[in-house]
Protein backbone atom coordinates (compact mmCIF):
# COMPACT_ATOMS: atom_id res chain seq x y z
CA UNK A 1 0.22 0.02 -0.19
CA UNK A 2 1.20 3.28 -1.06
CA UNK A 3 2.60 5.38 2.47
CA UNK A 4 0.62 8.65 2.88
CA UNK A 5 1.98 11.55 4.36
CA UNK A 6 1.17 15.19 5.65
CA UNK A 7 3.77 18.10 4.95
CA UNK A 8 3.70 21.57 5.74
CA UNK A 9 5.40 24.81 5.19
CA UNK A 10 5.71 27.46 8.13
CA UNK A 11 6.24 31.22 7.63
CA UNK A 12 9.32 32.75 9.32
CA UNK A 13 8.15 33.56 13.49
CA UNK A 14 10.19 34.22 16.46
CA UNK A 15 9.60 31.74 19.27
CA UNK A 16 11.96 29.48 19.34
CA UNK A 17 11.90 26.54 21.95
CA UNK A 18 8.83 28.02 23.62
CA UNK A 19 6.59 28.95 20.39
CA UNK A 20 7.78 25.25 19.02
CA UNK A 21 6.68 23.30 22.07
CA UNK A 22 3.66 24.86 22.68
CA UNK A 23 2.29 24.24 18.77
CA UNK A 24 3.95 20.73 18.61
CA UNK A 25 1.99 19.81 22.33
CA UNK A 26 -1.04 21.33 20.72
CA UNK A 27 -0.86 19.19 17.43
CA UNK A 28 -0.08 16.44 19.49
CA UNK A 29 -3.56 16.98 21.72
CA UNK A 30 -5.53 17.49 18.28
CA UNK A 31 -4.70 14.55 16.55
CA UNK A 32 -4.69 12.07 19.53
CA UNK A 33 -8.67 12.50 19.55
CA UNK A 34 -8.38 11.53 15.82
CA UNK A 35 -6.00 8.76 16.29
CA UNK A 36 -4.55 7.95 19.59
CA UNK A 37 -1.13 6.22 17.97
CA UNK A 38 -0.24 9.67 16.21
CA UNK A 39 0.72 11.21 19.64
CA UNK A 40 2.85 8.58 20.63
CA UNK A 41 6.32 9.43 19.23
CA UNK A 42 10.03 8.56 20.58
CA UNK A 43 12.94 10.34 19.56
CA UNK A 44 14.89 8.51 17.01
CA UNK A 45 17.48 6.23 18.76
CA UNK A 46 15.39 6.46 22.24
CA UNK A 47 13.40 3.60 23.64
CA UNK A 48 10.83 5.76 25.63
CA UNK A 49 7.71 7.56 24.59
CA UNK A 50 8.36 11.16 24.44
CA UNK A 51 6.94 13.27 27.25
CA UNK A 52 4.16 15.34 25.40
CA UNK A 53 3.35 17.69 28.08
CA UNK A 54 4.65 21.35 27.17
CA UNK A 55 7.35 21.84 29.58
CA UNK A 56 9.03 18.34 28.91
CA UNK A 57 8.66 19.24 24.92
CA UNK A 58 10.27 22.69 26.03
CA UNK A 59 13.38 21.09 27.09
CA UNK A 60 13.98 18.44 24.50
CA UNK A 61 13.65 20.89 21.83
CA UNK A 62 16.04 23.57 23.50
CA UNK A 63 18.92 21.30 23.21
CA UNK A 64 17.72 20.56 19.54
CA UNK A 65 19.78 23.78 17.56
CA UNK A 66 22.16 22.05 15.18
CA UNK A 67 26.00 21.70 15.05
CA UNK A 68 28.43 22.05 12.43
CA UNK A 69 31.12 19.19 11.91
CA UNK A 70 33.73 20.32 14.95
CA UNK A 71 30.35 20.19 17.04
CA UNK A 72 29.85 24.31 17.31
CA UNK A 73 26.29 25.42 17.36
CA UNK A 74 25.06 27.22 14.20
CA UNK A 75 23.32 30.44 14.55
CA UNK A 76 19.77 30.30 13.41
CA UNK A 77 19.62 27.07 12.87
CA UNK A 78 16.09 26.72 14.30
CA UNK A 79 14.71 24.05 16.75
CA UNK A 80 12.97 20.74 15.80
CA UNK A 81 12.78 16.88 16.64
CA UNK A 82 13.20 13.71 14.21
CA UNK A 83 10.45 11.44 15.74
CA UNK A 84 9.67 7.63 15.04
CA UNK A 85 6.24 6.21 16.03
CA UNK A 86 6.30 4.00 19.24
CA UNK A 87 3.60 1.51 17.28
CA UNK A 88 4.88 1.62 14.05
CA UNK A 89 9.04 1.96 14.33
CA UNK A 90 9.27 2.98 10.60
CA UNK A 91 6.98 5.68 10.61
CA UNK A 92 8.80 9.06 11.11
CA UNK A 93 8.02 12.63 11.98
CA UNK A 94 10.30 15.83 11.67
CA UNK A 95 9.78 19.33 11.71
CA UNK A 96 12.52 22.33 12.13
CA UNK A 97 11.29 25.42 12.74
CA UNK A 98 12.41 29.15 14.07
CA UNK A 99 14.81 29.76 10.92
CA UNK A 100 15.02 32.80 9.21
CA UNK A 101 14.40 33.76 5.59
CA UNK A 102 16.56 31.53 3.49
CA UNK A 103 16.78 28.70 1.06
CA UNK A 104 15.75 26.46 4.30
CA UNK A 105 11.75 26.55 4.93
CA UNK A 106 10.35 25.99 8.26
CA UNK A 107 8.83 22.78 7.80
CA UNK A 108 7.06 19.94 9.31
CA UNK A 109 6.75 16.58 7.91
CA UNK A 110 4.72 13.30 9.55
CA UNK A 111 4.45 9.88 7.74
CA UNK A 112 1.15 7.83 8.25
CA UNK A 113 1.40 3.70 8.83
CA UNK A 114 1.93 2.14 5.22
CA UNK A 115 -0.63 -0.76 5.95
CA UNK A 116 -3.26 1.70 7.08
CA UNK A 117 -5.95 3.03 4.75
CA UNK A 118 -6.58 7.14 5.34
CA UNK A 119 -9.99 7.77 5.08
CA UNK A 120 -10.89 11.25 4.01
CA UNK A 121 -12.88 12.33 6.99
CA UNK A 122 -9.87 11.27 8.80
CA UNK A 123 -6.96 13.16 6.73
CA UNK A 124 -9.58 16.10 6.48
CA UNK A 125 -9.24 16.46 10.87
CA UNK A 126 -5.55 15.91 10.26
CA UNK A 127 -4.90 18.72 8.25
CA UNK A 128 -7.10 20.74 10.25
CA UNK A 129 -5.36 20.02 13.54
CA UNK A 130 -2.29 20.98 11.49
CA UNK A 131 -3.58 24.38 10.17
CA UNK A 132 -4.85 25.06 13.97
CA UNK A 133 -1.60 24.36 15.70
CA UNK A 134 1.53 25.48 13.14
CA UNK A 135 -0.83 28.12 11.19
CA UNK A 136 1.28 27.10 7.93
CA UNK A 137 1.21 29.00 4.74
CA UNK A 138 0.89 25.59 3.03
CA UNK A 139 0.06 22.01 3.96
CA UNK A 140 -1.30 18.66 2.08
CA UNK A 141 -1.94 14.92 2.62
CA UNK A 142 -0.63 13.33 -0.39
CA UNK A 143 0.80 9.75 -0.74
CA UNK A 144 4.54 8.85 -1.83
CA UNK A 145 3.43 7.95 -5.60
CA UNK A 146 1.72 11.07 -5.90
CA UNK A 147 4.41 13.35 -4.63
CA UNK A 148 6.64 11.70 -7.15
CA UNK A 149 4.86 13.00 -9.78
CA UNK A 150 5.51 16.20 -9.36
CA UNK A 151 9.22 17.93 -9.59
CA UNK A 152 8.96 21.15 -7.20
CA UNK A 153 7.50 21.90 -3.88
CA UNK A 154 5.10 22.91 -2.76
CA UNK A 155 2.39 20.89 -4.80
CA UNK A 156 -1.26 20.34 -4.83
CA UNK A 157 -1.74 16.60 -2.61
CA UNK A 158 -4.91 15.24 -1.85
CA UNK A 159 -6.36 17.83 0.19
CA UNK A 160 -4.20 20.97 0.24
CA UNK A 161 -4.51 23.98 2.39
CA UNK A 162 -3.29 27.40 1.53
CA UNK A 163 -3.39 30.50 3.33
CA UNK A 164 -4.46 33.77 1.91
CA UNK A 165 -6.16 32.34 -0.82
CA UNK A 166 -9.86 32.57 -0.99
CA UNK A 167 -12.73 30.22 -2.38
CA UNK A 168 -12.97 30.43 -6.21
CA UNK A 169 -9.43 30.65 -6.58
CA UNK A 170 -9.22 27.37 -7.81
CA UNK A 171 -10.98 25.45 -10.04
CA UNK A 172 -11.18 22.28 -7.85
CA UNK A 173 -13.74 21.91 -4.65
CA UNK A 174 -12.22 24.03 -1.80
CA UNK A 175 -13.65 25.36 1.40
CA UNK A 176 -12.35 28.48 3.67
CA UNK A 177 -10.60 27.58 6.73
CA UNK A 178 -8.72 29.57 9.11
CA UNK A 179 -7.32 32.74 6.49
CA UNK A 180 -7.17 30.54 3.78
CA UNK A 181 -8.62 27.72 1.80
CA UNK A 182 -8.78 23.60 1.42
CA UNK A 183 -9.02 22.13 -2.00
CA UNK A 184 -9.88 18.74 -2.13
CA UNK A 185 -9.19 16.53 -5.23
CA UNK A 186 -10.79 13.53 -4.72
CA UNK A 187 -12.85 11.48 -2.61
CA UNK A 188 -9.69 8.74 -1.82
CA UNK A 189 -6.42 9.14 -2.18
CA UNK A 190 -5.55 10.26 -5.96
CA UNK A 191 -4.02 7.89 -8.25
CA UNK A 192 -0.93 9.18 -9.98
CA UNK A 193 -1.52 7.07 -12.86
CA UNK A 194 -4.69 9.13 -13.56
CA UNK A 195 -3.34 11.77 -15.81
CA UNK A 196 -6.70 13.95 -15.91
CA UNK A 197 -6.48 14.11 -11.83
CA UNK A 198 -2.54 15.23 -12.45
CA UNK A 199 -3.43 18.14 -14.68
CA UNK A 200 -6.25 19.41 -12.46
CA UNK A 201 -3.51 19.24 -9.73
CA UNK A 202 -1.18 21.14 -11.71
CA UNK A 203 -3.86 23.47 -12.69
CA UNK A 204 -4.65 24.38 -9.25
CA UNK A 205 -1.17 25.13 -8.68
CA UNK A 206 -1.12 27.51 -11.26
CA UNK A 207 -4.67 29.21 -10.15
CA UNK A 208 -2.67 29.36 -6.47
CA UNK A 209 0.71 30.92 -7.76
CA UNK A 210 -0.52 34.69 -7.36
CA UNK A 211 -0.99 33.73 -3.17
CA UNK A 212 2.46 32.23 -2.77
CA UNK A 213 1.58 28.30 -2.91
CA UNK A 214 4.79 27.91 -5.05
CA UNK A 215 7.87 29.91 -4.40
CA UNK A 216 8.96 29.00 -8.07
CA UNK A 217 6.53 28.50 -10.77
């Protein structure tokens, strides 16, 4: 079965470990109501689950700045975590935020278990949780094979959120959500062999270029 994933890009914002802990904690609480296994993660290389209270997250994130090959802390490297699912060890989550404007974007990425089919209603609730907690500029839920069909990022996945867009901007079905829109391509995870749907997704990406869905056309 093709693996589904969630990917989001956030705007540049201050806050560091405090802001990241608050937002990640909120995301975990929201997705736990959808699927409890999505709130159970551990640091890569560790056996025990990551505590999800805000204070514990703040401490872990406070030590997550990147270091260079000499072990020196890199300025403006942001904070972030790389995690594995407790129940599904091959399922990963990682994010890095607090980065300044530059070639590396503030981002959030979470995989879903490969053996599990993701219903649209569940995918929508997870996307809504991501928008509420992280306030991204762009977020999408897609599958690996669908994403491989697009050479650039961001792209239009199965369901995609774009901040600052308004209903009617896209030729695909859309609805308003938190200062932007959610575009839904189909009732089920789209098949990249569906040429017509790929063309629709690319047309939607072009439609949304003016609201900076894509930094590079």
